[in-house]
N, C-alpha and C. Protein backbone atom coordinates (compact mmCIF):
# COMPACT_ATOMS: atom_id res chain seq x y z
N MET A 1 -12.17 -4.90 5.56
CA MET A 1 -12.22 -4.24 4.26
C MET A 1 -10.83 -3.71 3.91
N LYS A 2 -10.38 -4.02 2.70
CA LYS A 2 -9.06 -3.61 2.25
C LYS A 2 -9.16 -2.30 1.47
N LEU A 3 -8.55 -1.24 2.04
CA LEU A 3 -8.53 0.07 1.40
C LEU A 3 -7.17 0.29 0.75
N VAL A 4 -7.18 0.64 -0.53
CA VAL A 4 -5.96 0.94 -1.27
C VAL A 4 -5.95 2.45 -1.50
N ILE A 5 -4.93 3.13 -0.99
CA ILE A 5 -4.94 4.59 -0.94
C ILE A 5 -3.81 5.17 -1.77
N ILE A 6 -4.17 6.11 -2.66
CA ILE A 6 -3.20 6.86 -3.46
C ILE A 6 -3.57 8.34 -3.40
N SER A 7 -2.69 9.17 -3.90
CA SER A 7 -2.96 10.61 -3.91
C SER A 7 -1.94 11.30 -4.81
N ASP A 8 -2.25 12.51 -5.23
CA ASP A 8 -1.27 13.36 -5.92
C ASP A 8 -0.60 12.64 -7.09
N THR A 9 -1.43 12.16 -8.00
CA THR A 9 -0.90 11.53 -9.21
C THR A 9 -0.62 12.56 -10.30
N HIS A 10 -1.21 13.74 -10.21
CA HIS A 10 -0.87 14.88 -11.07
C HIS A 10 -0.84 14.55 -12.56
N SER A 11 -1.85 13.85 -13.03
CA SER A 11 -1.98 13.47 -14.45
C SER A 11 -0.90 12.52 -14.93
N LEU A 12 -0.19 11.89 -13.99
CA LEU A 12 0.85 10.93 -14.35
C LEU A 12 0.37 9.49 -14.18
N HIS A 13 -0.95 9.31 -14.05
CA HIS A 13 -1.49 7.99 -13.77
C HIS A 13 -1.23 6.98 -14.89
N LYS A 14 -0.97 7.44 -16.10
CA LYS A 14 -0.73 6.52 -17.22
C LYS A 14 0.73 6.52 -17.66
N SER A 15 1.59 7.19 -16.91
CA SER A 15 3.00 7.23 -17.27
C SER A 15 3.66 5.89 -16.97
N LYS A 16 4.77 5.61 -17.61
CA LYS A 16 5.45 4.33 -17.41
C LYS A 16 6.06 4.22 -16.03
N GLU A 17 6.27 5.36 -15.36
CA GLU A 17 6.84 5.34 -14.01
C GLU A 17 5.80 5.06 -12.94
N MET A 18 4.52 5.21 -13.28
CA MET A 18 3.45 5.05 -12.30
C MET A 18 3.47 3.67 -11.67
N VAL A 19 3.42 3.63 -10.34
CA VAL A 19 3.45 2.36 -9.62
C VAL A 19 2.19 1.55 -9.90
N GLN A 20 2.31 0.24 -9.76
CA GLN A 20 1.15 -0.63 -9.96
C GLN A 20 0.22 -0.54 -8.75
N ILE A 21 -1.08 -0.51 -9.02
CA ILE A 21 -2.06 -0.41 -7.95
C ILE A 21 -2.58 -1.81 -7.63
N PRO A 22 -2.45 -2.23 -6.37
CA PRO A 22 -2.90 -3.58 -6.01
C PRO A 22 -4.42 -3.67 -5.90
N ASP A 23 -4.91 -4.90 -5.87
CA ASP A 23 -6.33 -5.14 -5.69
C ASP A 23 -6.77 -4.75 -4.29
N GLY A 24 -8.05 -4.51 -4.15
CA GLY A 24 -8.62 -4.18 -2.85
C GLY A 24 -10.12 -3.97 -2.98
N ASP A 25 -10.76 -3.71 -1.85
CA ASP A 25 -12.20 -3.48 -1.87
C ASP A 25 -12.56 -2.06 -2.25
N VAL A 26 -11.75 -1.10 -1.79
CA VAL A 26 -12.01 0.31 -2.08
C VAL A 26 -10.70 0.97 -2.49
N LEU A 27 -10.71 1.64 -3.63
CA LEU A 27 -9.58 2.45 -4.08
C LEU A 27 -9.89 3.91 -3.75
N ILE A 28 -9.00 4.54 -2.99
CA ILE A 28 -9.20 5.93 -2.57
C ILE A 28 -8.12 6.80 -3.18
N HIS A 29 -8.54 7.92 -3.76
CA HIS A 29 -7.60 8.93 -4.26
C HIS A 29 -7.86 10.23 -3.50
N CYS A 30 -6.80 10.75 -2.84
CA CYS A 30 -6.96 11.89 -1.94
C CYS A 30 -6.69 13.25 -2.59
N GLY A 31 -6.86 13.34 -3.91
CA GLY A 31 -6.82 14.65 -4.56
C GLY A 31 -5.53 14.95 -5.30
N ASP A 32 -5.56 16.05 -6.06
CA ASP A 32 -4.54 16.40 -7.05
C ASP A 32 -4.45 15.30 -8.10
N VAL A 33 -5.59 15.06 -8.73
CA VAL A 33 -5.66 14.10 -9.81
C VAL A 33 -5.05 14.67 -11.08
N SER A 34 -4.93 16.00 -11.13
CA SER A 34 -4.42 16.69 -12.31
C SER A 34 -3.17 17.49 -11.95
N ASN A 35 -2.56 18.07 -12.97
CA ASN A 35 -1.39 18.91 -12.73
C ASN A 35 -1.75 20.39 -12.78
N ALA A 36 -2.41 20.80 -13.86
CA ALA A 36 -2.80 22.21 -13.99
C ALA A 36 -4.30 22.41 -13.82
N GLY A 37 -5.05 21.33 -13.69
CA GLY A 37 -6.48 21.45 -13.46
C GLY A 37 -7.33 21.62 -14.69
N TYR A 38 -6.74 21.44 -15.88
CA TYR A 38 -7.50 21.62 -17.10
C TYR A 38 -8.61 20.57 -17.21
N GLU A 39 -9.68 20.94 -17.89
CA GLU A 39 -10.82 20.03 -18.04
C GLU A 39 -10.39 18.69 -18.62
N GLN A 40 -9.56 18.70 -19.66
CA GLN A 40 -9.15 17.45 -20.28
C GLN A 40 -8.34 16.56 -19.35
N GLU A 41 -7.57 17.18 -18.45
CA GLU A 41 -6.84 16.40 -17.45
C GLU A 41 -7.81 15.70 -16.50
N ILE A 42 -8.82 16.44 -16.06
CA ILE A 42 -9.82 15.87 -15.15
C ILE A 42 -10.57 14.73 -15.83
N LEU A 43 -10.98 14.95 -17.06
CA LEU A 43 -11.73 13.92 -17.80
C LEU A 43 -10.87 12.67 -18.02
N GLY A 44 -9.59 12.88 -18.33
CA GLY A 44 -8.69 11.75 -18.52
C GLY A 44 -8.52 10.95 -17.25
N PHE A 45 -8.42 11.63 -16.12
CA PHE A 45 -8.30 10.93 -14.85
C PHE A 45 -9.56 10.13 -14.55
N ILE A 46 -10.72 10.73 -14.72
CA ILE A 46 -11.98 10.04 -14.41
C ILE A 46 -12.11 8.77 -15.26
N LYS A 47 -11.73 8.85 -16.52
CA LYS A 47 -11.79 7.68 -17.39
C LYS A 47 -10.86 6.59 -16.87
N TRP A 48 -9.64 6.95 -16.50
CA TRP A 48 -8.68 5.97 -15.98
C TRP A 48 -9.15 5.39 -14.65
N PHE A 49 -9.62 6.25 -13.77
CA PHE A 49 -10.04 5.82 -12.43
C PHE A 49 -11.23 4.88 -12.53
N SER A 50 -12.15 5.20 -13.42
CA SER A 50 -13.33 4.36 -13.62
C SER A 50 -12.97 2.96 -14.08
N ALA A 51 -11.87 2.84 -14.82
CA ALA A 51 -11.47 1.56 -15.38
C ALA A 51 -10.74 0.66 -14.38
N GLN A 52 -10.43 1.17 -13.20
CA GLN A 52 -9.75 0.34 -12.21
C GLN A 52 -10.69 -0.76 -11.73
N PRO A 53 -10.16 -1.93 -11.40
CA PRO A 53 -11.01 -3.10 -11.13
C PRO A 53 -11.67 -3.11 -9.76
N HIS A 54 -11.32 -2.21 -8.88
CA HIS A 54 -11.87 -2.21 -7.53
C HIS A 54 -13.38 -1.95 -7.58
N LYS A 55 -14.13 -2.68 -6.76
CA LYS A 55 -15.58 -2.54 -6.77
C LYS A 55 -16.02 -1.13 -6.43
N HIS A 56 -15.34 -0.54 -5.45
CA HIS A 56 -15.65 0.83 -5.03
C HIS A 56 -14.43 1.71 -5.25
N LYS A 57 -14.65 2.89 -5.80
CA LYS A 57 -13.57 3.83 -6.07
C LYS A 57 -14.03 5.22 -5.62
N VAL A 58 -13.30 5.81 -4.68
CA VAL A 58 -13.68 7.09 -4.09
C VAL A 58 -12.57 8.10 -4.32
N PHE A 59 -12.92 9.31 -4.77
CA PHE A 59 -11.88 10.33 -4.92
C PHE A 59 -12.41 11.70 -4.52
N ILE A 60 -11.46 12.56 -4.16
CA ILE A 60 -11.74 13.96 -3.87
C ILE A 60 -10.83 14.81 -4.74
N ALA A 61 -11.04 16.10 -4.72
CA ALA A 61 -10.20 17.04 -5.45
C ALA A 61 -9.05 17.51 -4.56
N GLY A 62 -8.09 18.18 -5.19
CA GLY A 62 -6.98 18.80 -4.47
C GLY A 62 -6.75 20.21 -4.98
N ASN A 63 -5.71 20.83 -4.49
CA ASN A 63 -5.49 22.24 -4.81
C ASN A 63 -5.10 22.48 -6.26
N HIS A 64 -4.68 21.44 -6.99
CA HIS A 64 -4.38 21.59 -8.42
C HIS A 64 -5.62 21.43 -9.30
N ASP A 65 -6.71 20.95 -8.73
CA ASP A 65 -7.83 20.48 -9.54
C ASP A 65 -8.89 21.57 -9.78
N PHE A 66 -8.48 22.62 -10.47
CA PHE A 66 -9.40 23.71 -10.78
C PHE A 66 -10.61 23.22 -11.56
N GLY A 67 -10.41 22.23 -12.43
CA GLY A 67 -11.51 21.72 -13.24
C GLY A 67 -12.62 21.12 -12.41
N LEU A 68 -12.29 20.58 -11.24
CA LEU A 68 -13.32 20.04 -10.35
C LEU A 68 -13.99 21.14 -9.54
N GLN A 69 -13.29 22.23 -9.32
CA GLN A 69 -13.91 23.36 -8.63
C GLN A 69 -14.86 24.12 -9.57
N LEU A 70 -14.47 24.23 -10.83
CA LEU A 70 -15.30 24.95 -11.80
C LEU A 70 -16.50 24.13 -12.25
N LYS A 71 -16.33 22.81 -12.30
CA LYS A 71 -17.43 21.89 -12.63
C LYS A 71 -18.13 22.25 -13.94
N SER A 72 -17.40 22.13 -15.03
CA SER A 72 -18.03 22.31 -16.34
C SER A 72 -19.06 21.20 -16.55
N GLN A 73 -19.90 21.38 -17.56
CA GLN A 73 -20.91 20.36 -17.84
C GLN A 73 -20.26 19.04 -18.20
N ALA A 74 -19.13 19.10 -18.92
CA ALA A 74 -18.45 17.87 -19.32
C ALA A 74 -17.92 17.11 -18.10
N VAL A 75 -17.37 17.83 -17.13
CA VAL A 75 -16.85 17.20 -15.91
C VAL A 75 -18.00 16.64 -15.09
N THR A 76 -19.07 17.41 -14.95
CA THR A 76 -20.24 16.95 -14.20
C THR A 76 -20.81 15.68 -14.81
N ASP A 77 -20.92 15.66 -16.13
CA ASP A 77 -21.45 14.48 -16.82
C ASP A 77 -20.54 13.28 -16.65
N ALA A 78 -19.22 13.51 -16.70
CA ALA A 78 -18.27 12.41 -16.57
C ALA A 78 -18.35 11.79 -15.18
N ILE A 79 -18.49 12.62 -14.15
CA ILE A 79 -18.62 12.10 -12.79
C ILE A 79 -19.90 11.27 -12.66
N LYS A 80 -20.97 11.76 -13.26
CA LYS A 80 -22.24 11.04 -13.20
C LYS A 80 -22.13 9.69 -13.90
N GLU A 81 -21.51 9.67 -15.05
CA GLU A 81 -21.35 8.42 -15.79
C GLU A 81 -20.45 7.44 -15.04
N ALA A 82 -19.45 7.99 -14.35
CA ALA A 82 -18.51 7.14 -13.63
C ALA A 82 -19.17 6.42 -12.45
N GLU A 83 -20.26 6.96 -11.96
CA GLU A 83 -20.96 6.32 -10.84
C GLU A 83 -21.40 4.90 -11.21
N GLU A 84 -21.67 4.68 -12.49
CA GLU A 84 -22.08 3.35 -12.93
C GLU A 84 -20.93 2.35 -12.86
N ARG A 85 -19.70 2.86 -12.75
CA ARG A 85 -18.52 2.00 -12.64
C ARG A 85 -18.00 1.94 -11.21
N GLY A 86 -18.82 2.35 -10.26
CA GLY A 86 -18.44 2.27 -8.85
C GLY A 86 -17.66 3.44 -8.32
N VAL A 87 -17.67 4.55 -9.06
CA VAL A 87 -16.91 5.74 -8.66
C VAL A 87 -17.79 6.68 -7.85
N VAL A 88 -17.23 7.19 -6.74
CA VAL A 88 -17.91 8.19 -5.92
C VAL A 88 -16.99 9.39 -5.78
N TYR A 89 -17.47 10.57 -6.14
CA TYR A 89 -16.74 11.81 -5.94
C TYR A 89 -17.31 12.50 -4.71
N LEU A 90 -16.44 12.79 -3.73
CA LEU A 90 -16.88 13.45 -2.51
C LEU A 90 -16.33 14.86 -2.44
N GLU A 91 -17.20 15.80 -2.13
CA GLU A 91 -16.81 17.19 -1.94
C GLU A 91 -17.64 17.75 -0.78
N ASP A 92 -17.07 17.68 0.42
CA ASP A 92 -17.81 17.99 1.64
C ASP A 92 -19.09 17.17 1.69
N SER A 93 -18.90 15.90 1.48
CA SER A 93 -20.03 14.96 1.44
C SER A 93 -19.54 13.58 1.86
N GLY A 94 -20.50 12.67 2.05
CA GLY A 94 -20.14 11.37 2.57
C GLY A 94 -20.82 10.23 1.82
N VAL A 95 -20.36 9.03 2.12
CA VAL A 95 -20.93 7.81 1.55
C VAL A 95 -20.66 6.68 2.53
N GLU A 96 -21.56 5.71 2.58
CA GLU A 96 -21.35 4.53 3.41
C GLU A 96 -21.05 3.34 2.50
N ILE A 97 -19.96 2.64 2.78
CA ILE A 97 -19.54 1.49 1.99
C ILE A 97 -19.23 0.35 2.96
N GLY A 98 -19.91 -0.75 2.79
CA GLY A 98 -19.64 -1.91 3.63
C GLY A 98 -19.75 -1.63 5.12
N GLY A 99 -20.65 -0.74 5.49
CA GLY A 99 -20.84 -0.40 6.89
C GLY A 99 -19.90 0.65 7.42
N LEU A 100 -18.93 1.10 6.60
CA LEU A 100 -18.02 2.16 7.00
C LEU A 100 -18.51 3.50 6.47
N LYS A 101 -18.43 4.53 7.31
CA LYS A 101 -18.90 5.85 6.94
C LYS A 101 -17.71 6.73 6.53
N PHE A 102 -17.71 7.08 5.24
CA PHE A 102 -16.65 7.89 4.66
C PHE A 102 -17.11 9.34 4.55
N TRP A 103 -16.16 10.28 4.68
CA TRP A 103 -16.41 11.69 4.41
C TRP A 103 -15.20 12.24 3.68
N GLY A 104 -15.44 13.04 2.64
CA GLY A 104 -14.33 13.59 1.86
C GLY A 104 -14.43 15.09 1.70
N SER A 105 -13.27 15.76 1.77
CA SER A 105 -13.24 17.21 1.60
C SER A 105 -11.92 17.64 0.96
N PRO A 106 -11.97 18.54 -0.03
CA PRO A 106 -10.77 18.90 -0.77
C PRO A 106 -9.98 20.09 -0.21
N TRP A 107 -10.50 20.77 0.81
CA TRP A 107 -9.96 22.07 1.20
C TRP A 107 -8.62 21.97 1.92
N THR A 108 -7.75 22.95 1.64
CA THR A 108 -6.48 23.09 2.36
C THR A 108 -6.28 24.56 2.71
N PRO A 109 -5.45 24.85 3.72
CA PRO A 109 -5.20 26.25 4.08
C PRO A 109 -4.59 27.04 2.92
N THR A 110 -4.97 28.29 2.82
CA THR A 110 -4.56 29.14 1.71
C THR A 110 -3.04 29.20 1.57
N PHE A 111 -2.59 28.96 0.33
CA PHE A 111 -1.18 29.05 -0.03
C PHE A 111 -1.13 29.49 -1.49
N PHE A 112 -0.76 30.74 -1.71
CA PHE A 112 -0.85 31.34 -3.04
C PHE A 112 -2.30 31.26 -3.54
N ASP A 113 -2.49 30.98 -4.83
CA ASP A 113 -3.83 31.09 -5.41
C ASP A 113 -4.21 29.80 -6.13
N TRP A 114 -4.39 28.73 -5.33
CA TRP A 114 -4.74 27.45 -5.89
C TRP A 114 -6.23 27.18 -5.68
N ALA A 115 -6.66 26.02 -6.15
CA ALA A 115 -8.07 25.64 -6.02
C ALA A 115 -8.37 25.15 -4.60
N PHE A 116 -9.64 25.22 -4.22
CA PHE A 116 -10.14 24.66 -2.96
C PHE A 116 -9.28 25.07 -1.76
N MET A 117 -9.12 26.37 -1.58
CA MET A 117 -8.35 26.86 -0.44
C MET A 117 -9.16 27.87 0.37
N LYS A 118 -8.97 27.82 1.69
CA LYS A 118 -9.60 28.76 2.61
C LYS A 118 -8.58 29.19 3.65
N ASN A 119 -8.77 30.39 4.18
CA ASN A 119 -7.88 30.88 5.21
C ASN A 119 -7.99 30.04 6.47
N ARG A 120 -6.92 29.98 7.22
CA ARG A 120 -6.93 29.27 8.49
C ARG A 120 -7.83 29.98 9.49
N GLY A 121 -8.34 29.23 10.46
CA GLY A 121 -9.17 29.81 11.51
C GLY A 121 -10.60 29.29 11.44
N ASP A 122 -11.38 29.63 12.48
CA ASP A 122 -12.77 29.15 12.53
C ASP A 122 -13.78 30.26 12.33
N GLU A 123 -13.34 31.42 11.82
CA GLU A 123 -14.27 32.49 11.50
C GLU A 123 -15.11 32.10 10.28
N SER A 124 -16.12 32.90 10.00
CA SER A 124 -17.00 32.64 8.87
C SER A 124 -16.19 32.52 7.58
N ASP A 125 -16.49 31.50 6.79
CA ASP A 125 -15.85 31.21 5.51
C ASP A 125 -14.36 30.86 5.64
N CYS A 126 -13.93 30.48 6.84
CA CYS A 126 -12.57 29.98 7.01
C CYS A 126 -12.60 28.45 7.11
N ILE A 127 -11.43 27.85 7.09
CA ILE A 127 -11.36 26.40 6.95
C ILE A 127 -11.89 25.65 8.16
N GLY A 128 -11.84 26.30 9.33
CA GLY A 128 -12.38 25.63 10.51
C GLY A 128 -13.85 25.29 10.38
N GLN A 129 -14.58 26.14 9.66
CA GLN A 129 -16.01 25.88 9.44
C GLN A 129 -16.23 24.67 8.53
N VAL A 130 -15.29 24.44 7.61
CA VAL A 130 -15.37 23.25 6.74
C VAL A 130 -15.28 21.99 7.58
N TRP A 131 -14.34 21.97 8.52
CA TRP A 131 -14.13 20.75 9.30
C TRP A 131 -15.27 20.50 10.28
N GLN A 132 -15.97 21.54 10.68
CA GLN A 132 -17.11 21.34 11.56
C GLN A 132 -18.27 20.66 10.84
N GLN A 133 -18.23 20.63 9.50
CA GLN A 133 -19.26 19.93 8.74
C GLN A 133 -19.08 18.41 8.79
N VAL A 134 -17.89 17.94 9.17
CA VAL A 134 -17.62 16.51 9.19
C VAL A 134 -18.50 15.85 10.25
N PRO A 135 -19.32 14.89 9.88
CA PRO A 135 -20.22 14.25 10.86
C PRO A 135 -19.46 13.58 12.00
N ASP A 136 -20.06 13.59 13.17
CA ASP A 136 -19.43 13.04 14.36
C ASP A 136 -19.15 11.55 14.23
N ASP A 137 -19.95 10.84 13.42
CA ASP A 137 -19.79 9.39 13.32
C ASP A 137 -18.91 8.96 12.15
N THR A 138 -18.17 9.89 11.57
CA THR A 138 -17.27 9.56 10.47
C THR A 138 -16.20 8.57 10.93
N GLN A 139 -15.97 7.54 10.11
CA GLN A 139 -14.96 6.53 10.42
C GLN A 139 -13.74 6.63 9.51
N VAL A 140 -13.96 7.03 8.25
CA VAL A 140 -12.87 7.23 7.30
C VAL A 140 -12.97 8.65 6.77
N LEU A 141 -11.99 9.47 7.08
CA LEU A 141 -11.97 10.87 6.65
C LEU A 141 -10.91 11.03 5.57
N ILE A 142 -11.36 11.45 4.39
CA ILE A 142 -10.46 11.67 3.25
C ILE A 142 -10.32 13.18 3.07
N THR A 143 -9.12 13.68 3.28
CA THR A 143 -8.85 15.10 3.08
C THR A 143 -7.67 15.24 2.13
N HIS A 144 -7.59 16.38 1.44
CA HIS A 144 -6.44 16.53 0.56
C HIS A 144 -5.18 16.81 1.36
N GLY A 145 -5.29 17.67 2.35
CA GLY A 145 -4.13 18.02 3.15
C GLY A 145 -4.15 17.36 4.52
N PRO A 146 -3.00 17.33 5.18
CA PRO A 146 -2.90 16.67 6.49
C PRO A 146 -3.26 17.61 7.64
N PRO A 147 -3.56 17.02 8.80
CA PRO A 147 -3.63 17.82 10.02
C PRO A 147 -2.23 18.32 10.38
N ARG A 148 -2.19 19.27 11.29
CA ARG A 148 -0.93 19.88 11.70
C ARG A 148 -0.12 18.95 12.61
N LEU A 149 1.21 18.94 12.38
CA LEU A 149 2.18 18.23 13.23
C LEU A 149 1.86 16.75 13.37
N MET A 150 1.69 16.09 12.24
CA MET A 150 1.37 14.67 12.21
C MET A 150 2.64 13.81 12.12
N ASN A 151 3.58 14.03 13.05
CA ASN A 151 4.80 13.21 13.08
C ASN A 151 5.46 13.13 11.70
N ASN A 152 5.63 14.28 11.08
CA ASN A 152 6.29 14.44 9.79
C ASN A 152 5.43 14.12 8.58
N LEU A 153 4.19 13.69 8.75
CA LEU A 153 3.32 13.49 7.59
C LEU A 153 2.93 14.81 6.95
N ASP A 154 3.13 15.92 7.65
CA ASP A 154 2.83 17.24 7.10
C ASP A 154 4.10 18.08 6.95
N TYR A 155 5.25 17.43 6.94
CA TYR A 155 6.53 18.14 6.90
C TYR A 155 7.03 18.27 5.47
N THR A 156 7.41 19.49 5.10
CA THR A 156 7.96 19.72 3.77
C THR A 156 9.39 20.22 3.88
N THR A 157 10.25 19.68 3.03
CA THR A 157 11.64 20.12 3.03
C THR A 157 11.78 21.49 2.38
N TYR A 158 10.73 21.94 1.68
CA TYR A 158 10.74 23.29 1.13
C TYR A 158 10.36 24.24 2.26
N GLY A 159 11.36 24.78 2.91
CA GLY A 159 11.13 25.63 4.06
C GLY A 159 11.33 24.92 5.38
N HIS A 160 11.38 23.58 5.32
CA HIS A 160 11.63 22.76 6.51
C HIS A 160 10.64 23.09 7.63
N ILE A 161 9.36 22.98 7.29
CA ILE A 161 8.32 23.30 8.27
C ILE A 161 7.17 22.30 8.17
N ASN A 162 6.39 22.23 9.24
CA ASN A 162 5.15 21.47 9.23
C ASN A 162 4.04 22.40 8.78
N VAL A 163 3.30 22.00 7.75
CA VAL A 163 2.34 22.91 7.13
C VAL A 163 0.90 22.40 7.19
N GLY A 164 0.67 21.40 8.03
CA GLY A 164 -0.68 20.86 8.15
C GLY A 164 -1.65 21.86 8.76
N CYS A 165 -2.91 21.47 8.79
CA CYS A 165 -4.00 22.35 9.21
C CYS A 165 -4.31 22.15 10.70
N ASP A 166 -4.13 23.21 11.50
CA ASP A 166 -4.44 23.15 12.93
C ASP A 166 -5.93 22.86 13.16
N ASP A 167 -6.78 23.49 12.37
CA ASP A 167 -8.22 23.32 12.56
C ASP A 167 -8.67 21.91 12.24
N LEU A 168 -8.02 21.28 11.25
CA LEU A 168 -8.32 19.88 10.95
C LEU A 168 -7.89 18.99 12.12
N MET A 169 -6.74 19.30 12.72
CA MET A 169 -6.28 18.51 13.85
C MET A 169 -7.26 18.58 15.01
N ILE A 170 -7.83 19.76 15.24
CA ILE A 170 -8.83 19.92 16.30
C ILE A 170 -10.03 19.02 16.04
N ARG A 171 -10.52 19.03 14.80
CA ARG A 171 -11.70 18.22 14.48
C ARG A 171 -11.39 16.73 14.53
N VAL A 172 -10.23 16.34 14.06
CA VAL A 172 -9.84 14.93 14.11
C VAL A 172 -9.84 14.43 15.55
N ASN A 173 -9.35 15.24 16.46
CA ASN A 173 -9.32 14.84 17.87
C ASN A 173 -10.73 14.72 18.46
N GLN A 174 -11.69 15.41 17.87
CA GLN A 174 -13.06 15.37 18.36
C GLN A 174 -13.83 14.15 17.87
N LEU A 175 -13.38 13.54 16.78
CA LEU A 175 -14.11 12.46 16.14
C LEU A 175 -13.81 11.13 16.83
N GLN A 176 -14.68 10.74 17.72
CA GLN A 176 -14.44 9.55 18.54
C GLN A 176 -14.51 8.25 17.75
N ASP A 177 -15.27 8.22 16.64
CA ASP A 177 -15.41 7.01 15.84
C ASP A 177 -14.38 6.91 14.73
N LEU A 178 -13.55 7.94 14.58
CA LEU A 178 -12.62 7.97 13.45
C LEU A 178 -11.58 6.86 13.57
N ARG A 179 -11.41 6.13 12.47
CA ARG A 179 -10.42 5.06 12.41
C ARG A 179 -9.27 5.41 11.46
N LEU A 180 -9.58 6.21 10.43
CA LEU A 180 -8.56 6.52 9.42
C LEU A 180 -8.76 7.92 8.89
N ASN A 181 -7.67 8.69 8.83
CA ASN A 181 -7.63 9.95 8.09
C ASN A 181 -6.53 9.82 7.04
N CYS A 182 -6.93 9.82 5.76
CA CYS A 182 -5.95 9.71 4.68
C CYS A 182 -5.93 11.00 3.88
N PHE A 183 -4.76 11.32 3.35
CA PHE A 183 -4.54 12.59 2.67
C PHE A 183 -3.29 12.49 1.81
N GLY A 184 -2.91 13.59 1.21
CA GLY A 184 -1.69 13.69 0.42
C GLY A 184 -1.14 15.10 0.55
N HIS A 185 -1.05 15.80 -0.60
CA HIS A 185 -0.73 17.23 -0.66
C HIS A 185 0.75 17.50 -0.38
N ILE A 186 1.27 17.01 0.72
CA ILE A 186 2.67 17.23 1.08
C ILE A 186 3.46 15.99 0.65
N HIS A 187 4.04 16.06 -0.54
CA HIS A 187 4.65 14.89 -1.15
C HIS A 187 5.74 14.28 -0.28
N GLY A 188 6.52 15.12 0.36
CA GLY A 188 7.63 14.62 1.17
C GLY A 188 7.20 13.97 2.47
N GLY A 189 5.91 14.06 2.81
CA GLY A 189 5.41 13.50 4.06
C GLY A 189 4.84 12.10 3.92
N TYR A 190 5.07 11.46 2.79
CA TYR A 190 4.54 10.12 2.53
C TYR A 190 4.83 9.17 3.69
N GLY A 191 3.77 8.44 4.12
CA GLY A 191 3.98 7.45 5.17
C GLY A 191 2.72 7.22 5.99
N VAL A 192 2.88 6.42 7.05
CA VAL A 192 1.76 6.01 7.91
C VAL A 192 2.14 6.22 9.37
N ARG A 193 1.19 6.71 10.16
CA ARG A 193 1.39 6.84 11.60
C ARG A 193 0.14 6.35 12.33
N GLU A 194 0.34 5.72 13.46
CA GLU A 194 -0.75 5.32 14.36
C GLU A 194 -0.68 6.21 15.58
N ILE A 195 -1.75 6.97 15.83
CA ILE A 195 -1.76 7.91 16.95
C ILE A 195 -3.09 7.79 17.69
N ASP A 196 -3.01 7.42 18.96
CA ASP A 196 -4.20 7.33 19.81
C ASP A 196 -5.29 6.48 19.19
N GLY A 197 -4.91 5.36 18.61
CA GLY A 197 -5.88 4.43 18.05
C GLY A 197 -6.41 4.81 16.68
N LYS A 198 -5.88 5.88 16.09
CA LYS A 198 -6.31 6.31 14.76
C LYS A 198 -5.14 6.18 13.80
N THR A 199 -5.45 5.80 12.57
CA THR A 199 -4.43 5.66 11.54
C THR A 199 -4.42 6.90 10.65
N PHE A 200 -3.23 7.45 10.44
CA PHE A 200 -3.06 8.61 9.57
C PHE A 200 -2.14 8.22 8.42
N VAL A 201 -2.59 8.51 7.20
CA VAL A 201 -1.88 8.07 6.00
C VAL A 201 -1.65 9.25 5.07
N ASN A 202 -0.39 9.52 4.76
CA ASN A 202 -0.06 10.42 3.66
C ASN A 202 0.30 9.53 2.48
N ALA A 203 -0.62 9.48 1.51
CA ALA A 203 -0.49 8.54 0.40
C ALA A 203 -0.01 9.20 -0.89
N SER A 204 0.73 10.29 -0.79
CA SER A 204 1.20 10.98 -1.99
C SER A 204 1.94 10.02 -2.90
N THR A 205 1.41 9.83 -4.09
CA THR A 205 2.04 8.94 -5.06
C THR A 205 3.29 9.58 -5.64
N CYS A 206 3.22 10.87 -5.91
CA CYS A 206 4.38 11.59 -6.44
C CYS A 206 5.34 11.97 -5.32
N THR A 207 6.62 11.87 -5.62
CA THR A 207 7.65 12.35 -4.72
C THR A 207 7.72 13.87 -4.82
N GLU A 208 8.61 14.46 -4.03
CA GLU A 208 8.77 15.92 -4.11
C GLU A 208 9.27 16.37 -5.47
N LYS A 209 9.89 15.47 -6.20
CA LYS A 209 10.35 15.78 -7.56
C LYS A 209 9.35 15.35 -8.62
N TYR A 210 8.14 15.01 -8.19
CA TYR A 210 7.02 14.66 -9.08
C TYR A 210 7.28 13.40 -9.91
N TYR A 211 7.89 12.40 -9.29
CA TYR A 211 7.94 11.07 -9.86
C TYR A 211 6.85 10.23 -9.18
N PRO A 212 5.96 9.58 -9.94
CA PRO A 212 4.85 8.83 -9.34
C PRO A 212 5.27 7.43 -8.91
N THR A 213 6.19 7.38 -7.96
CA THR A 213 6.83 6.10 -7.62
C THR A 213 6.57 5.64 -6.18
N ASN A 214 5.89 6.44 -5.37
CA ASN A 214 5.55 5.99 -4.03
C ASN A 214 4.45 4.92 -4.10
N GLU A 215 4.64 3.83 -3.38
CA GLU A 215 3.68 2.72 -3.43
C GLU A 215 2.34 3.11 -2.82
N PRO A 216 1.24 2.60 -3.38
CA PRO A 216 -0.06 2.77 -2.71
C PRO A 216 0.01 2.22 -1.30
N ILE A 217 -0.70 2.85 -0.39
CA ILE A 217 -0.73 2.40 1.00
C ILE A 217 -2.01 1.63 1.26
N ILE A 218 -1.87 0.47 1.86
CA ILE A 218 -3.01 -0.41 2.13
C ILE A 218 -3.35 -0.37 3.61
N VAL A 219 -4.63 -0.18 3.90
CA VAL A 219 -5.12 -0.19 5.27
C VAL A 219 -6.27 -1.18 5.33
N GLU A 220 -6.24 -2.06 6.29
CA GLU A 220 -7.33 -3.01 6.52
C GLU A 220 -8.20 -2.51 7.67
N LEU A 221 -9.49 -2.35 7.40
CA LEU A 221 -10.42 -1.91 8.44
C LEU A 221 -11.55 -2.95 8.58
C-alpha cells in the first residue's frame, strides 16, 4: 500500500508554491491544516482535501486547528459530507484500511496556548494518558507531534532543542505491531528515519519560514 504523507500546510494548500501531491492509495495529513484555526480555513481545507484523487484520505488536527477542537456545526457537517469522498478524520480514534490499522491523535505537549495541548506526564488529564489509548495492535500511528529525540525529527532551530514528547516515545516503544509513526509540527525536522524496524516520518510541508515546499513523503507498507 502506497501512503502519501503531508503535514502542516497551514492554509497554503492552494498557493502557487504548494508542492504537487503524487498519486497513492492513502493520502495522510498529520495536522495543522489551518493557520489561525478559523472555521472558514478548516472548511476550505476539507473541501480541498476531499477533492484529492486518492481513494482514501485520512487527516488529524494540529495545534493551530482551533476550528476542529471547537467543532462548530458547519465543521461537523463538512467532515460528515467528506466521508462520501473517502475522507476520514481521526481524533483519538482509528480506522482499518486495506488490512492496516490506523490510529490518529492531534495532541502535543503544552506550549503557550494552542489547540489540542496537554501537559507532559502520565498523571490524570496529561498527555501520557492520551498515548495509553492507542491500541496495542496499531500499525500506522498518525500524531501531530513527534516522539522525543527522534534523530533530529523533533529538533527545532528555535532554541536548538529536541521538543518531542517523551510519553509518546514510551508508547511507541511498547507497540510491537507498529510499522509507521508519521507526524509534523516541527517544521525544521522534516525527514525520515528507520529505527528498530519502525519508520518515523516528519512530513511537514511548510519549512520553518512557512513556505509549503517540502515534498510529500511516500511510504510503502
